[in-house]
C-alpha cells in the first residue's frame, strides 16, 4: 500500500507561480512512475506531467516550458513547479503513482489539491 498526500495548492494571479508537493508513504520501494493529473470543472481528468523510474519526463503540450516535474531519489516526494500560470490551468491537481509488488501492478491517487488562477 502507498499513500499519497498533496500540498501547495492555492489561489494565484495569472503569471504567478505555485509549487505542488506530493508526499508518499507506505511501501514506497514499490513505486515505479509518478505523475501529476488535473481535472477542471466539467472536464475529464488529464495527464499533466509524468516522471519515470529512470527520471525521464513527459508533459502535456500546453504546460511545456512552464511546468517542471521532479522527485527525490527515495521516491517519497514528488513536485510540480508551475510558472507563468494561466486561468486555464485552474483545476484540481492529483498526484498519481503506479507500483509493482510481487508480480502485481497497483495504482494510487492522492486526494487532490485545488489550484485557482485568477485573470
C-alpha atoms as a PDB file:
ATOM      1  CA  UNK A   1       0.000   0.000   0.000  1.00  0.00           C
ATOM      2  CA  UNK A   2       1.124   3.517  -0.846  1.00  0.00           C
ATOM      3  CA  UNK A   3      -0.443   6.697   0.473  1.00  0.00           C
ATOM      4  CA  UNK A   4      -0.137   9.995  -1.428  1.00  0.00           C
ATOM      5  CA  UNK A   5      -0.852  13.407   0.074  1.00  0.00           C
ATOM      6  CA  UNK A   6      -0.678  16.618  -1.970  1.00  0.00           C
ATOM      7  CA  UNK A   7       0.041  20.084  -0.643  1.00  0.00           C
ATOM      8  CA  UNK A   8       0.841  23.521  -2.018  1.00  0.00           C
ATOM      9  CA  UNK A   9      -2.305  24.384  -3.929  1.00  0.00           C
ATOM     10  CA  UNK A  10      -3.982  27.760  -3.659  1.00  0.00           C
ATOM     11  CA  UNK A  11      -5.044  30.936  -5.395  1.00  0.00           C
ATOM     12  CA  UNK A  12      -2.608  32.847  -7.586  1.00  0.00           C
ATOM     13  CA  UNK A  13      -2.857  35.589 -10.192  1.00  0.00           C
ATOM     14  CA  UNK A  14      -2.157  34.886 -13.836  1.00  0.00           C
ATOM     15  CA  UNK A  15       1.572  34.916 -14.483  1.00  0.00           C
ATOM     16  CA  UNK A  16       2.357  33.758 -10.969  1.00  0.00           C
ATOM     17  CA  UNK A  17       3.911  30.542  -9.698  1.00  0.00           C
ATOM     18  CA  UNK A  18       2.978  27.683  -7.396  1.00  0.00           C
ATOM     19  CA  UNK A  19       4.786  24.544  -6.304  1.00  0.00           C
ATOM     20  CA  UNK A  20       2.813  21.396  -5.611  1.00  0.00           C
ATOM     21  CA  UNK A  21       4.259  18.675  -3.428  1.00  0.00           C
ATOM     22  CA  UNK A  22       3.187  15.073  -3.006  1.00  0.00           C
ATOM     23  CA  UNK A  23       4.359  13.067  -0.020  1.00  0.00           C
ATOM     24  CA  UNK A  24       4.402   9.295  -0.497  1.00  0.00           C
ATOM     25  CA  UNK A  25       4.384   6.880   2.416  1.00  0.00           C
ATOM     26  CA  UNK A  26       3.954   3.171   2.935  1.00  0.00           C
ATOM     27  CA  UNK A  27       5.550   0.732   0.500  1.00  0.00           C
ATOM     28  CA  UNK A  28       7.360   3.428  -1.460  1.00  0.00           C
ATOM     29  CA  UNK A  29      10.015   0.951  -2.577  1.00  0.00           C
ATOM     30  CA  UNK A  30       7.445  -0.499  -4.979  1.00  0.00           C
ATOM     31  CA  UNK A  31       6.792   2.810  -6.772  1.00  0.00           C
ATOM     32  CA  UNK A  32       7.626   2.968 -10.461  1.00  0.00           C
ATOM     33  CA  UNK A  33       6.491   6.053 -12.394  1.00  0.00           C
ATOM     34  CA  UNK A  34       4.839   9.060 -10.765  1.00  0.00           C
ATOM     35  CA  UNK A  35       2.609  11.650 -12.387  1.00  0.00           C
ATOM     36  CA  UNK A  36       0.507  14.742 -11.907  1.00  0.00           C
ATOM     37  CA  UNK A  37      -3.001  14.801 -13.340  1.00  0.00           C
ATOM     38  CA  UNK A  38      -5.548  17.584 -13.245  1.00  0.00           C
ATOM     39  CA  UNK A  39      -9.281  17.865 -13.624  1.00  0.00           C
ATOM     40  CA  UNK A  40     -11.029  21.132 -14.357  1.00  0.00           C
ATOM     41  CA  UNK A  41     -14.696  21.591 -13.554  1.00  0.00           C
ATOM     42  CA  UNK A  42     -16.815  19.809 -16.130  1.00  0.00           C
ATOM     43  CA  UNK A  43     -13.825  18.300 -17.928  1.00  0.00           C
ATOM     44  CA  UNK A  44     -12.097  14.943 -17.979  1.00  0.00           C
ATOM     45  CA  UNK A  45      -9.013  14.289 -15.923  1.00  0.00           C
ATOM     46  CA  UNK A  46      -5.834  14.775 -17.971  1.00  0.00           C
ATOM     47  CA  UNK A  47      -2.197  13.860 -17.568  1.00  0.00           C
ATOM     48  CA  UNK A  48      -0.102  16.954 -16.913  1.00  0.00           C
ATOM     49  CA  UNK A  49       3.376  15.518 -16.348  1.00  0.00           C
ATOM     50  CA  UNK A  50       4.989  12.157 -15.758  1.00  0.00           C
ATOM     51  CA  UNK A  51       8.378  11.095 -14.445  1.00  0.00           C
ATOM     52  CA  UNK A  52       9.600   7.553 -14.987  1.00  0.00           C
ATOM     53  CA  UNK A  53      11.665   5.384 -12.686  1.00  0.00           C
ATOM     54  CA  UNK A  54      14.735   6.483 -14.669  1.00  0.00           C
ATOM     55  CA  UNK A  55      13.680  10.154 -14.327  1.00  0.00           C
ATOM     56  CA  UNK A  56      12.559  10.580 -17.902  1.00  0.00           C
ATOM     57  CA  UNK A  57       9.820  13.208 -18.150  1.00  0.00           C
ATOM     58  CA  UNK A  58       6.795  13.871 -20.339  1.00  0.00           C
ATOM     59  CA  UNK A  59       4.497  16.889 -20.353  1.00  0.00           C
ATOM     60  CA  UNK A  60       1.129  17.936 -21.645  1.00  0.00           C
ATOM     61  CA  UNK A  61       1.793  20.222 -24.629  1.00  0.00           C
ATOM     62  CA  UNK A  62       0.031  23.179 -23.046  1.00  0.00           C
ATOM     63  CA  UNK A  63       2.343  23.175 -19.997  1.00  0.00           C
ATOM     64  CA  UNK A  64       5.673  22.512 -21.706  1.00  0.00           C
ATOM     65  CA  UNK A  65       8.205  25.169 -20.814  1.00  0.00           C
ATOM     66  CA  UNK A  66       6.105  26.358 -17.859  1.00  0.00           C
ATOM     67  CA  UNK A  67       5.818  23.312 -15.575  1.00  0.00           C
ATOM     68  CA  UNK A  68       8.596  21.097 -14.238  1.00  0.00           C
ATOM     69  CA  UNK A  69       8.094  17.710 -12.585  1.00  0.00           C
ATOM     70  CA  UNK A  70      10.736  16.317 -10.248  1.00  0.00           C
ATOM     71  CA  UNK A  71      11.113  13.890  -7.383  1.00  0.00           C
ATOM     72  CA  UNK A  72      13.641  12.833  -4.799  1.00  0.00           C
ATOM     73  CA  UNK A  73      15.688   9.675  -5.284  1.00  0.00           C
ATOM     74  CA  UNK A  74      13.892   7.914  -2.460  1.00  0.00           C
ATOM     75  CA  UNK A  75      10.601   8.358  -4.369  1.00  0.00           C
ATOM     76  CA  UNK A  76       8.977   9.773  -1.278  1.00  0.00           C
ATOM     77  CA  UNK A  77       8.455  13.280  -2.645  1.00  0.00           C
ATOM     78  CA  UNK A  78       7.044  14.389  -5.980  1.00  0.00           C
ATOM     79  CA  UNK A  79       6.960  18.032  -7.053  1.00  0.00           C
ATOM     80  CA  UNK A  80       5.362  20.134  -9.735  1.00  0.00           C
ATOM     81  CA  UNK A  81       6.798  23.601 -10.204  1.00  0.00           C
ATOM     82  CA  UNK A  82       4.258  25.688 -12.093  1.00  0.00           C
ATOM     83  CA  UNK A  83       5.347  29.012 -13.563  1.00  0.00           C
ATOM     84  CA  UNK A  84       3.612  31.539 -15.801  1.00  0.00           C
ATOM     85  CA  UNK A  85       0.258  30.199 -14.671  1.00  0.00           C
ATOM     86  CA  UNK A  86      -2.817  30.865 -16.789  1.00  0.00           C
ATOM     87  CA  UNK A  87      -6.503  30.854 -15.862  1.00  0.00           C
ATOM     88  CA  UNK A  88      -6.911  27.683 -17.933  1.00  0.00           C
ATOM     89  CA  UNK A  89      -4.552  25.919 -15.504  1.00  0.00           C
ATOM     90  CA  UNK A  90      -7.281  26.151 -12.864  1.00  0.00           C
ATOM     91  CA  UNK A  91      -8.131  22.615 -11.757  1.00  0.00           C
ATOM     92  CA  UNK A  92      -7.805  20.072  -9.016  1.00  0.00           C
ATOM     93  CA  UNK A  93      -4.337  18.537  -9.311  1.00  0.00           C
ATOM     94  CA  UNK A  94      -3.828  14.898  -8.355  1.00  0.00           C
ATOM     95  CA  UNK A  95      -0.667  13.017  -7.538  1.00  0.00           C
ATOM     96  CA  UNK A  96      -0.564   9.507  -9.025  1.00  0.00           C
ATOM     97  CA  UNK A  97       1.813   6.591  -8.990  1.00  0.00           C
ATOM     98  CA  UNK A  98       1.938   3.039 -10.203  1.00  0.00           C
ATOM     99  CA  UNK A  99       3.686   0.378  -8.205  1.00  0.00           C
ATOM    100  CA  UNK A 100       4.768  -3.222  -8.648  1.00  0.00           C
ATOM    101  CA  UNK A 101       4.792  -5.693  -5.830  1.00  0.00           C
ATOM    102  CA  UNK A 102       5.291  -9.445  -6.111  1.00  0.00           C
ATOM    103  CA  UNK A 103       4.098  -9.526  -9.716  1.00  0.00           C
ATOM    104  CA  UNK A 104       1.048  -7.330  -9.172  1.00  0.00           C
ATOM    105  CA  UNK A 105       0.524  -3.817 -10.519  1.00  0.00           C
ATOM    106  CA  UNK A 106      -1.189  -1.189  -8.382  1.00  0.00           C
ATOM    107  CA  UNK A 107      -2.323   2.396  -8.918  1.00  0.00           C
ATOM    108  CA  UNK A 108      -2.585   5.029  -6.214  1.00  0.00           C
ATOM    109  CA  UNK A 109      -4.080   8.523  -6.182  1.00  0.00           C
ATOM    110  CA  UNK A 110      -3.827  11.423  -3.800  1.00  0.00           C
ATOM    111  CA  UNK A 111      -6.858  13.341  -2.612  1.00  0.00           C
ATOM    112  CA  UNK A 112      -6.215  16.336  -4.859  1.00  0.00           C
ATOM    113  CA  UNK A 113      -5.124  19.948  -4.414  1.00  0.00           C
ATOM    114  CA  UNK A 114      -7.084  22.892  -5.782  1.00  0.00           C
ATOM    115  CA  UNK A 115      -5.185  25.358  -7.954  1.00  0.00           C
ATOM    116  CA  UNK A 116      -7.048  28.501  -8.938  1.00  0.00           C
ATOM    117  CA  UNK A 117      -5.527  31.065 -11.292  1.00  0.00           C
ATOM    118  CA  UNK A 118      -7.297  34.399 -11.484  1.00  0.00           C
ATOM    119  CA  UNK A 119      -7.134  36.633 -14.538  1.00  0.00           C
END
